Every structure is written in C-alpha cells, then in structure tokens.
Amino acid sequence: MIPWKYSKTMKYPNNNKKTAKFLAKTVLDLVGVDKSIDSTFCELFGGLGYVSRELKPYVKNIIINDIEVYSSMINTAYMSVWIPRHIEKLLMSLNKNIGFKTGLIYKYYSSEGKITTPCFSPENAMKIDTIRTQITAWHKLGVINFDSYCYLLTSLLEASVRVANIQHTFDSFNSPIHKRMYLPLELLPLDRKDDSGNFHIQRSCAKDYINKIEGDVLFLNPPKSGCNYHINYHVLNTICLYPKVEQVEMFGKFNKINYKFKHTPFHTKRKYLENMEFILANAKFKYIILDCNKEICEPLHPILSKYGEFSILEHLYNIRVRDVARYRLKTTSQKHSYFYLLEKKGY
C-alpha cells in the first residue's frame, strides 16, 4: 500500500505559498519594516493571501481583493487582528457534535447523492451540513461575531479539503476513490498570528477596483488558466454561501459547474495584455510586482516600459512530487519563479 500523508493546508492553483517569504522580503525592502510608517500593500488577485499573511506583522495597511466568496472568508479569518480565546472550545464543540443531519452537501456531493463521482463520504457530508448550519445559527444568535464566524467557516473549509476525494482541485476527482475520503472530518485551529494593523478584504473585479485604491506596493497575480477558479472550487463556494444555495447544477463525468461567466478577463494572450495595461495605467502605487507568465513575458516589456522602469526578480525553490515507481516523495530540481518589479513614473 502506498504510504500517504495529507497536508493541513489547502492546495490552490497559481498560489504563492512557496514564494510568499521571498515576495514579503521584497516588499519590506521597498517600504521598510517599521510598522509605524503608514505604508499600504495590496494583493489585487488575493487567492489565499499567503503574501499578506507574511506581511501582516510588518505592514500597517493591507488590502486583499478577490472575486471568490471563499477567498474573502479565508482571508478575513487569517487577517483578523484578534480572535476570542474561546474559539478553540467552539471548535471542540463542533467536532463533538453527533446530531448529524442531511443537507445540501450530502444531497449533491456525497456518494449517496446526485454527484457522478463522489466528493465526500456520507458521514463527512452530513458533518459538513450540520457544522455549517450550527456556525450560521451561532452568528445569527450573536454567540460569535463576524471574524469568529469566518474563522470557524475557514476551519471547516480546510477540513473539507483534507477529506475530499480530489487530486488537486474540485474538478479533478480520484478514480478509484482515494482513502482520504473515509478519514473522519475534524476541524483544526488555524495557523495564524494576532497582530495589530489595518486590513480590508474586498470582493470586486480587479479592473473595477483598481481605480478605488492607492498605496505603496501592488502585487498582481492574475489567473494563469483560461477559466475562473470558481469552476475548480465550486464546493467551497457552496459551503460558504450555504444555506442561500438551494440547488447545485452539475454536468458531465467530472461534475463541472455550468457558470455563466466561465472565462477570466485574462484567458487569452491578447486580453491578458489589454487588461494588464489597463491595470498598470490606473494603478496609483509607487511599486508594482507582477507574477510573470513565461508565455507573455516578451510582449509585456513595451507595456511595462511605458509606465516606468522595471527589473526581473528570480526565485528558486524546491518542489516535491510523488515518485510512483518507488511509492515515496522525493525532492526534484529547483523550480524558477519570475516576477517583474515596476517603479511607476510620477510616484
């Protein structure tokens, strides 16, 4: 049998977990480490906000924008200045809850539901339904505030990923069913830091929001795939919007979601360049760090030169992949990540 160990953190395409410390150091070299300085950092395509988490103890003002519902919940939980001490007692209470009921997750995403390929075991699906309902009830009754609500919901989202029958995202299911689907769902405390500072979480289209903000450093990491990430993470959005979502419409063998707005504004090279130039032109930030996609690097150089002087940053890090032949994990050669650092004219 293949030895297996699950990660406590959520997998996410195009995330900056491996490069977060490098990017945070780059930002601090630009704005300084002194938190008394009124500096502002913004992630316009926030995702899970790994860079902002690293900067939380050092930068006074942090803005995270992302159009996805689950992203705003997770970032609120990790960026909140203070969480009540009794939050872990609430987690224990939710873990011990034995009055499980069937609901939306059980109906659509369990092996007993309507889904073609199961995402959760029936027991875990019922746990998710019950715990999600309880978190909402506590919030409505005033037992927990909004920050605590996001904290508990984020713990549930991360617990759901750990027991989901997925290879990487929720449109890539394991066949045959992976054994992690039968692990008991357990809510764990978040690995976060309480720290003073100002943070703002926004859910807006990047092109609409860029005209409303200003600051010192802007980090751009637009989607590199052709589709919006809500197609990959429809389960997490469903859990966040629960109980507002009454039904889930899926189609095909791999349970695709039929969204009206499937493609991102960056899904072709031409659109990428057009929309990126719009953002660069309207960004009121002194420094802009752009995650570089090798396919569009060269065509982007004239656009960057139009708005200031730029340099290319390189970061090397190790990645781990499964060695199928030997049934173990091994470290491969270093992976290269490239970033543009633009200093805008007039700032």
Protein backbone atom coordinates (compact mmCIF):
# COMPACT_ATOMS: atom_id res chain seq x y z
CA MET A 1 0.00 0.00 0.00
CA ILE A 2 1.27 3.48 -0.84
CA PRO A 3 2.16 5.45 2.29
CA TRP A 4 0.21 8.69 2.37
CA LYS A 5 0.05 11.80 4.46
CA TYR A 6 -2.37 14.67 3.93
CA SER A 7 -1.43 18.32 4.15
CA LYS A 8 -3.06 20.65 6.66
CA THR A 9 -3.07 23.48 4.13
CA MET A 10 -5.29 23.99 1.11
CA LYS A 11 -4.00 23.37 -2.38
CA TYR A 12 -4.69 26.21 -4.78
CA PRO A 13 -3.61 26.76 -8.40
CA ASN A 14 -1.32 29.70 -9.02
CA ASN A 15 -0.82 30.29 -5.28
CA ASN A 16 2.29 31.95 -3.85
CA LYS A 17 2.84 29.80 -0.79
CA LYS A 18 6.33 28.77 -1.95
CA THR A 19 7.30 32.31 -2.89
CA ALA A 20 5.50 34.22 -0.10
CA LYS A 21 8.57 34.76 2.08
CA PHE A 22 10.61 35.93 -0.91
CA LEU A 23 7.88 38.35 -2.01
CA ALA A 24 7.37 39.62 1.54
CA LYS A 25 11.10 40.35 1.85
CA THR A 26 10.98 42.19 -1.48
CA VAL A 27 8.08 44.33 -0.26
CA LEU A 28 9.79 45.10 3.06
CA ASP A 29 12.96 46.14 1.22
CA LEU A 30 10.80 48.70 -0.60
CA VAL A 31 8.65 50.08 2.25
CA GLY A 32 10.65 49.22 5.38
CA VAL A 33 9.95 47.01 8.39
CA ASP A 34 8.74 49.77 10.75
CA LYS A 35 5.00 49.32 11.22
CA SER A 36 4.63 52.89 12.47
CA ILE A 37 5.17 54.00 8.86
CA ASP A 38 1.82 54.45 7.12
CA SER A 39 2.55 52.04 4.25
CA THR A 40 -0.04 50.13 2.20
CA PHE A 41 0.27 46.79 0.42
CA CYS A 42 -2.40 45.35 -1.87
CA GLU A 43 -2.98 41.91 -3.41
CA LEU A 44 -5.37 42.60 -6.27
CA PHE A 45 -5.84 38.89 -7.01
CA GLY A 46 -5.77 37.71 -3.43
CA GLY A 47 -6.45 33.98 -3.58
CA LEU A 48 -5.48 32.61 -0.17
CA GLY A 49 -3.43 35.70 0.70
CA TYR A 50 -0.14 33.98 1.54
CA VAL A 51 1.94 37.10 0.85
CA SER A 52 -0.32 39.26 3.02
CA ARG A 53 -0.06 36.76 5.87
CA GLU A 54 3.72 37.08 5.80
CA LEU A 55 3.47 40.89 5.78
CA LYS A 56 0.82 41.14 8.50
CA PRO A 57 3.29 41.76 11.38
CA TYR A 58 5.23 44.42 9.45
CA VAL A 59 2.94 46.45 7.16
CA LYS A 60 0.35 48.78 8.66
CA ASN A 61 -2.31 48.66 5.91
CA ILE A 62 -3.11 45.56 3.84
CA ILE A 63 -5.78 45.24 1.13
CA ILE A 64 -6.78 41.86 -0.32
CA ASN A 65 -9.16 41.68 -3.26
CA ASP A 66 -10.57 38.56 -4.89
CA ILE A 67 -13.83 37.87 -6.64
CA GLU A 68 -14.32 34.46 -4.99
CA VAL A 69 -16.52 34.09 -1.90
CA TYR A 70 -14.34 31.51 -0.16
CA SER A 71 -11.27 33.71 -0.65
CA SER A 72 -12.82 36.61 1.23
CA MET A 73 -13.86 34.30 4.09
CA ILE A 74 -10.42 32.68 4.40
CA ASN A 75 -8.53 35.98 4.20
CA THR A 76 -10.80 37.60 6.79
CA ALA A 77 -10.08 34.69 9.15
CA TYR A 78 -6.31 34.87 8.71
CA MET A 79 -6.00 38.66 8.64
CA SER A 80 -8.31 39.49 11.55
CA VAL A 81 -6.48 41.42 14.24
CA TRP A 82 -7.99 39.49 17.15
CA ILE A 83 -9.93 36.27 17.64
CA PRO A 84 -11.62 35.36 21.00
CA ARG A 85 -9.73 32.89 23.18
CA HIS A 86 -12.73 30.59 23.49
CA ILE A 87 -12.73 29.91 19.73
CA GLU A 88 -10.93 26.57 20.23
CA LYS A 89 -13.66 25.48 22.66
CA LEU A 90 -16.18 26.18 19.91
CA LEU A 91 -14.10 24.06 17.51
CA MET A 92 -14.14 21.21 20.03
CA SER A 93 -17.88 21.58 20.41
CA LEU A 94 -18.39 21.34 16.64
CA ASN A 95 -16.12 18.28 16.42
CA LYS A 96 -18.10 16.50 19.14
CA ASN A 97 -21.48 17.29 17.62
CA ILE A 98 -23.18 13.94 16.98
CA GLY A 99 -26.61 15.11 15.82
CA PHE A 100 -25.77 14.92 12.16
CA LYS A 101 -28.39 15.83 9.58
CA THR A 102 -28.57 15.53 5.81
CA GLY A 103 -28.47 18.72 3.78
CA LEU A 104 -27.20 20.30 0.58
CA ILE A 105 -23.67 18.83 0.74
CA TYR A 106 -25.00 15.34 1.43
CA LYS A 107 -27.57 15.69 -1.33
CA TYR A 108 -25.20 16.82 -4.08
CA TYR A 109 -21.62 15.92 -3.11
CA SER A 110 -21.68 12.62 -1.19
CA SER A 111 -21.55 9.07 -2.56
CA GLU A 112 -25.24 8.81 -1.62
CA GLY A 113 -26.15 11.97 -3.51
CA LYS A 114 -26.65 13.12 -7.09
CA ILE A 115 -22.99 13.60 -7.94
CA THR A 116 -21.48 11.30 -10.61
CA THR A 117 -18.13 10.92 -8.84
CA PRO A 118 -18.40 11.32 -5.04
CA CYS A 119 -16.57 14.15 -3.32
CA PHE A 120 -17.26 13.23 0.33
CA SER A 121 -18.27 10.14 2.26
CA PRO A 122 -21.88 10.21 3.51
CA GLU A 123 -20.70 10.67 7.12
CA ASN A 124 -18.43 13.61 6.32
CA ALA A 125 -21.05 15.22 4.08
CA MET A 126 -23.55 15.11 6.95
CA LYS A 127 -20.93 16.57 9.30
CA ILE A 128 -20.32 19.46 6.91
CA ASP A 129 -24.06 20.13 6.64
CA THR A 130 -24.54 20.04 10.41
CA ILE A 131 -21.48 22.11 11.31
CA ARG A 132 -22.21 24.71 8.62
CA THR A 133 -25.77 25.11 9.91
CA GLN A 134 -24.52 25.46 13.50
CA ILE A 135 -22.00 28.16 12.60
CA THR A 136 -24.75 30.19 10.92
CA ALA A 137 -27.04 29.73 13.93
CA TRP A 138 -24.36 30.95 16.36
CA HIS A 139 -23.75 34.02 14.22
CA LYS A 140 -27.45 34.90 14.00
CA LEU A 141 -27.86 34.48 17.77
CA GLY A 142 -24.87 36.72 18.49
CA VAL A 143 -22.79 33.96 20.07
CA ILE A 144 -19.94 34.79 17.66
CA ASN A 145 -19.00 37.95 15.76
CA PHE A 146 -18.23 38.10 12.04
CA ASP A 147 -14.48 37.49 12.49
CA SER A 148 -15.17 34.37 14.58
CA TYR A 149 -17.74 33.30 12.01
CA CYS A 150 -15.11 33.49 9.26
CA TYR A 151 -12.59 31.68 11.49
CA LEU A 152 -14.91 28.71 12.09
CA LEU A 153 -16.01 28.63 8.47
CA THR A 154 -12.38 28.65 7.27
CA SER A 155 -11.56 25.77 9.60
CA LEU A 156 -14.50 23.88 8.07
CA LEU A 157 -13.33 24.65 4.51
CA GLU A 158 -9.81 23.42 5.23
CA ALA A 159 -11.15 20.31 6.98
CA SER A 160 -13.38 19.60 3.96
CA VAL A 161 -10.41 19.76 1.58
CA ARG A 162 -8.47 17.28 3.73
CA VAL A 163 -11.17 14.61 3.36
CA ALA A 164 -12.25 15.35 -0.21
CA ASN A 165 -11.84 12.79 -3.00
CA ILE A 166 -9.77 15.11 -5.18
CA GLN A 167 -6.36 15.04 -6.81
CA HIS A 168 -5.81 18.79 -6.74
CA THR A 169 -8.99 20.78 -7.30
CA PHE A 170 -12.69 20.05 -7.22
CA ASP A 171 -12.83 19.30 -10.94
CA SER A 172 -10.13 16.61 -10.71
CA PHE A 173 -11.55 13.63 -8.85
CA ASN A 174 -9.74 10.45 -7.87
CA SER A 175 -10.78 7.20 -9.52
CA PRO A 176 -10.79 4.79 -7.81
CA ILE A 177 -11.88 6.62 -4.68
CA HIS A 178 -8.98 7.84 -2.54
CA LYS A 179 -8.85 6.51 1.02
CA ARG A 180 -8.71 10.05 2.50
CA MET A 181 -12.42 10.34 1.69
CA TYR A 182 -13.11 7.96 4.58
CA LEU A 183 -11.00 9.80 7.15
CA PRO A 184 -13.11 11.49 9.86
CA LEU A 185 -13.62 15.20 9.26
CA GLU A 186 -12.01 17.23 12.04
CA LEU A 187 -11.85 21.00 12.49
CA LEU A 188 -8.39 22.26 13.48
CA PRO A 189 -7.22 25.66 14.80
CA LEU A 190 -5.86 27.98 12.13
CA ASP A 191 -2.14 28.69 11.98
CA ARG A 192 -2.45 32.46 12.27
CA LYS A 193 -0.98 35.36 14.22
CA ASP A 194 -2.79 38.01 16.23
CA ASP A 195 -1.30 41.36 15.32
CA SER A 196 -2.29 45.00 15.21
CA GLY A 197 -2.85 46.75 11.91
CA ASN A 198 -5.48 47.64 9.35
CA PHE A 199 -6.76 45.20 6.78
CA HIS A 200 -9.51 45.37 4.20
CA ILE A 201 -11.00 42.41 2.34
CA GLN A 202 -12.81 43.20 -0.89
CA ARG A 203 -14.78 41.15 -3.43
CA SER A 204 -14.63 43.02 -6.73
CA CYS A 205 -13.47 42.70 -10.30
CA ALA A 206 -9.83 43.78 -10.42
CA LYS A 207 -10.45 46.26 -13.28
CA ASP A 208 -13.28 47.93 -11.35
CA TYR A 209 -11.43 48.07 -8.05
CA ILE A 210 -8.04 49.36 -9.21
CA ASN A 211 -9.38 52.92 -9.58
CA LYS A 212 -10.61 52.97 -5.97
CA ILE A 213 -7.37 52.20 -4.15
CA GLU A 214 -3.88 53.61 -3.76
CA GLY A 215 -0.78 52.74 -1.80
CA ASP A 216 2.87 51.80 -1.89
CA VAL A 217 3.16 48.26 -3.30
CA LEU A 218 0.70 46.43 -5.54
CA PHE A 219 1.07 42.70 -6.15
CA LEU A 220 -0.53 41.24 -9.29
CA ASN A 221 -1.00 37.51 -9.72
CA PRO A 222 -3.84 37.12 -12.26
CA PRO A 223 -5.26 33.68 -13.14
CA LYS A 224 -2.96 31.78 -15.46
CA SER A 225 -5.61 29.29 -16.55
CA GLY A 226 -8.37 30.10 -19.01
CA CYS A 227 -11.21 29.58 -16.54
CA ASN A 228 -12.27 31.33 -13.38
CA TYR A 229 -11.29 29.47 -10.24
CA HIS A 230 -14.89 29.14 -9.08
CA ILE A 231 -15.15 26.29 -11.58
CA ASN A 232 -12.38 24.49 -9.69
CA TYR A 233 -13.68 25.39 -6.24
CA HIS A 234 -17.46 25.31 -6.58
CA VAL A 235 -17.71 23.09 -3.47
CA LEU A 236 -16.02 25.70 -1.28
CA ASN A 237 -18.23 28.48 -2.62
CA THR A 238 -21.29 26.29 -1.99
CA ILE A 239 -20.24 25.75 1.63
CA CYS A 240 -19.65 29.49 2.09
CA LEU A 241 -22.99 30.50 0.57
CA TYR A 242 -24.92 27.79 2.45
CA PRO A 243 -27.88 27.95 3.16
CA LYS A 244 -28.52 30.57 0.44
CA VAL A 245 -27.75 27.97 -2.24
CA GLU A 246 -30.78 25.73 -2.71
CA GLN A 247 -29.51 23.53 -5.52
CA VAL A 248 -26.33 22.82 -7.48
CA GLU A 249 -26.40 22.23 -11.23
CA MET A 250 -23.61 19.93 -12.41
CA PHE A 251 -22.96 18.14 -15.67
CA GLY A 252 -20.51 15.62 -17.13
CA LYS A 253 -18.45 12.85 -15.67
CA PHE A 254 -16.34 15.16 -13.53
CA ASN A 255 -19.20 17.24 -12.09
CA LYS A 256 -18.50 20.53 -13.86
CA ILE A 257 -20.46 23.59 -12.83
CA ASN A 258 -22.24 25.48 -15.58
CA TYR A 259 -21.30 29.08 -14.78
CA LYS A 260 -22.47 31.94 -16.97
CA PHE A 261 -19.11 33.75 -16.72
CA LYS A 262 -16.67 30.90 -17.27
CA HIS A 263 -13.60 32.67 -18.64
CA THR A 264 -11.45 35.25 -16.89
CA PRO A 265 -10.58 38.60 -18.49
CA PHE A 266 -7.06 37.15 -18.88
CA HIS A 267 -7.91 33.90 -20.67
CA THR A 268 -6.11 34.79 -23.95
CA LYS A 269 -2.78 36.48 -24.56
CA ARG A 270 -4.43 39.47 -26.26
CA LYS A 271 -6.92 40.01 -23.45
CA TYR A 272 -4.18 39.49 -20.87
CA LEU A 273 -2.09 42.30 -22.37
CA GLU A 274 -5.09 44.61 -22.80
CA ASN A 275 -6.37 44.17 -19.25
CA MET A 276 -2.93 44.24 -17.69
CA GLU A 277 -2.15 47.56 -19.41
CA PHE A 278 -5.43 48.96 -18.07
CA ILE A 279 -4.49 47.94 -14.53
CA LEU A 280 -0.94 49.27 -14.83
CA ALA A 281 -2.16 52.57 -16.25
CA ASN A 282 -4.70 53.13 -13.48
CA ALA A 283 -2.72 51.77 -10.53
CA LYS A 284 -1.91 54.54 -8.01
CA PHE A 285 1.01 52.65 -6.48
CA LYS A 286 4.71 53.51 -6.44
CA TYR A 287 5.82 49.89 -6.90
CA ILE A 288 4.09 47.06 -8.75
CA ILE A 289 5.16 43.41 -8.51
CA LEU A 290 3.79 41.22 -11.29
CA ASP A 291 3.91 37.42 -11.33
CA CYS A 292 5.41 36.54 -14.69
CA ASN A 293 3.93 34.03 -17.11
CA LYS A 294 6.67 32.84 -19.49
CA GLU A 295 4.31 32.78 -22.48
CA ILE A 296 3.60 36.51 -22.36
CA CYS A 297 6.85 37.89 -20.89
CA GLU A 298 8.33 39.48 -24.01
CA PRO A 299 5.12 41.17 -25.29
CA LEU A 300 4.67 42.71 -21.83
CA HIS A 301 8.02 44.54 -21.84
CA PRO A 302 6.91 47.52 -24.00
CA ILE A 303 3.86 48.00 -21.79
CA LEU A 304 5.94 47.97 -18.61
CA SER A 305 8.45 50.40 -20.11
CA LYS A 306 5.62 52.82 -20.90
CA TYR A 307 4.77 53.24 -17.21
CA GLY A 308 8.21 53.21 -15.58
CA GLU A 309 11.43 51.31 -15.08
CA PHE A 310 11.25 47.59 -14.41
CA SER A 311 13.54 44.75 -13.40
CA ILE A 312 13.10 40.97 -13.27
CA LEU A 313 13.27 39.11 -9.95
CA GLU A 314 14.06 35.40 -9.83
CA HIS A 315 13.29 32.98 -7.01
CA LEU A 316 14.38 29.35 -6.78
CA TYR A 317 12.68 26.78 -4.58
CA ASN A 318 12.32 23.03 -4.28
CA ILE A 319 9.15 21.17 -5.18
CA ARG A 320 8.15 17.72 -4.03
CA VAL A 321 6.41 15.20 -6.29
CA ARG A 322 5.34 11.62 -5.79
CA ASP A 323 7.72 9.00 -7.12
CA VAL A 324 5.13 6.49 -8.35
CA ALA A 325 7.69 3.77 -9.05
CA ARG A 326 9.14 3.83 -5.54
CA TYR A 327 6.00 4.86 -3.64
CA ARG A 328 7.57 7.79 -1.88
CA LEU A 329 8.05 11.54 -2.13
CA LYS A 330 11.32 12.93 -3.43
CA THR A 331 12.72 16.42 -3.97
CA THR A 332 13.13 17.39 -7.61
CA SER A 333 15.39 20.03 -9.10
CA GLN A 334 14.72 23.64 -8.22
CA LYS A 335 11.81 25.46 -9.78
CA HIS A 336 12.20 29.01 -11.10
CA SER A 337 9.64 31.74 -10.46
CA TYR A 338 10.00 35.13 -12.11
CA PHE A 339 8.48 38.47 -11.12
CA TYR A 340 8.54 41.93 -12.63
CA LEU A 341 9.25 44.83 -10.29
CA LEU A 342 7.96 48.08 -11.80
CA GLU A 343 8.61 51.52 -10.33
CA LYS A 344 5.91 53.77 -11.76
CA LYS A 345 6.65 57.18 -13.16
CA GLY A 346 5.42 60.13 -11.12
CA TYR A 347 5.45 58.39 -7.72
